[in-house]
Amino acid sequence: MLKLKKVNVQFVYEGISDKRDFETGALFPDGRVLVDIDGVSLFDCVPTDYPDLYVVNLDVSDKDYLSGKGSEGFIDLITN
């Protein structure tokens, strides 16, 4: 079974990031992170100097790999 790493995720939007506002996410080995903000989403992320903190920069890429795929897309993600 695929073991995902639980991480803290910080979002950047329009150049702004609240340094005190984090979401919990599950890091995939391919460098994407699964988060639940008004529904499950999968974004590209980058590591920081802190081992359990990753940044999703929506200014660079706001692509949600699960957008419009519903629960079947999520099941495909975790079973493939």
Protein backbone atom coordinates (compact mmCIF):
# COMPACT_ATOMS: atom_id res chain seq x y z
CA MET A 1 0.00 0.00 0.00
CA LEU A 2 1.18 3.50 -0.83
CA LYS A 3 2.27 5.37 2.29
CA LEU A 4 1.74 9.11 2.13
CA LYS A 5 3.48 11.60 4.38
CA LYS A 6 1.33 13.94 6.48
CA VAL A 7 2.56 17.52 6.00
CA ASN A 8 1.58 21.13 6.63
CA VAL A 9 0.68 23.10 3.53
CA GLN A 10 0.91 26.83 3.07
CA PHE A 11 -0.80 28.52 0.11
CA VAL A 12 0.39 31.57 -1.81
CA TYR A 13 -2.23 33.54 -3.75
CA GLU A 14 -1.67 36.90 -5.45
CA GLY A 15 1.77 37.02 -3.84
CA ILE A 16 0.32 36.76 -0.34
CA SER A 17 0.72 33.98 2.18
CA ASP A 18 -0.48 34.02 5.77
CA LYS A 19 2.48 32.63 7.72
CA ARG A 20 0.13 31.46 10.49
CA ASP A 21 -2.43 29.71 8.30
CA PHE A 22 -1.66 26.12 7.36
CA GLU A 23 -3.68 23.22 6.04
CA THR A 24 -2.95 19.57 6.65
CA GLY A 25 -2.11 17.59 3.55
CA ALA A 26 -0.89 14.22 2.33
CA LEU A 27 2.30 14.35 0.27
CA PHE A 28 2.59 12.00 -2.70
CA PRO A 29 6.03 10.75 -3.80
CA ASP A 30 5.67 12.68 -7.10
CA GLY A 31 5.67 16.05 -5.33
CA ARG A 32 1.94 16.70 -5.29
CA VAL A 33 -0.11 17.24 -2.16
CA LEU A 34 -3.67 16.23 -1.35
CA VAL A 35 -5.64 18.74 0.72
CA ASP A 36 -9.26 19.11 1.80
CA ILE A 37 -10.46 22.69 1.41
CA ASP A 38 -14.13 22.71 0.45
CA GLY A 39 -13.51 19.32 -1.14
CA VAL A 40 -10.49 17.19 -1.90
CA SER A 41 -7.90 18.77 -4.20
CA LEU A 42 -4.50 17.75 -5.51
CA PHE A 43 -1.87 20.43 -6.23
CA ASP A 44 1.79 20.69 -7.18
CA CYS A 45 3.88 21.80 -4.23
CA VAL A 46 7.45 22.68 -3.35
CA PRO A 47 9.39 21.81 -0.20
CA THR A 48 10.66 24.45 2.21
CA ASP A 49 13.59 24.51 4.62
CA TYR A 50 11.29 22.83 7.14
CA PRO A 51 10.87 19.09 6.53
CA ASP A 52 7.10 18.95 7.11
CA LEU A 53 6.14 22.23 5.40
CA TYR A 54 5.28 22.50 1.71
CA VAL A 55 4.08 25.46 -0.34
CA VAL A 56 1.37 25.48 -2.97
CA ASN A 57 1.93 28.62 -5.03
CA LEU A 58 -1.36 29.26 -6.80
CA ASP A 59 0.23 32.16 -8.68
CA VAL A 60 2.53 29.70 -10.46
CA SER A 61 0.08 26.83 -10.91
CA ASP A 62 -3.48 26.65 -9.72
CA LYS A 63 -4.17 23.33 -11.43
CA ASP A 64 -6.20 20.99 -9.26
CA TYR A 65 -5.53 17.53 -10.67
CA LEU A 66 -8.82 16.26 -9.22
CA SER A 67 -11.01 19.11 -10.42
CA GLY A 68 -14.12 17.78 -12.14
CA LYS A 69 -13.14 14.14 -11.63
CA GLY A 70 -15.33 13.47 -8.59
CA SER A 71 -14.84 10.54 -6.28
CA GLU A 72 -13.81 8.24 -9.13
CA GLY A 73 -10.78 10.45 -9.85
CA PHE A 74 -9.79 10.27 -6.20
CA ILE A 75 -10.16 6.49 -6.13
CA ASP A 76 -8.08 6.20 -9.32
CA LEU A 77 -5.42 8.40 -7.72
CA ILE A 78 -4.99 6.26 -4.63
CA THR A 79 -5.29 2.89 -6.34
CA ASN A 80 -3.00 3.39 -9.34
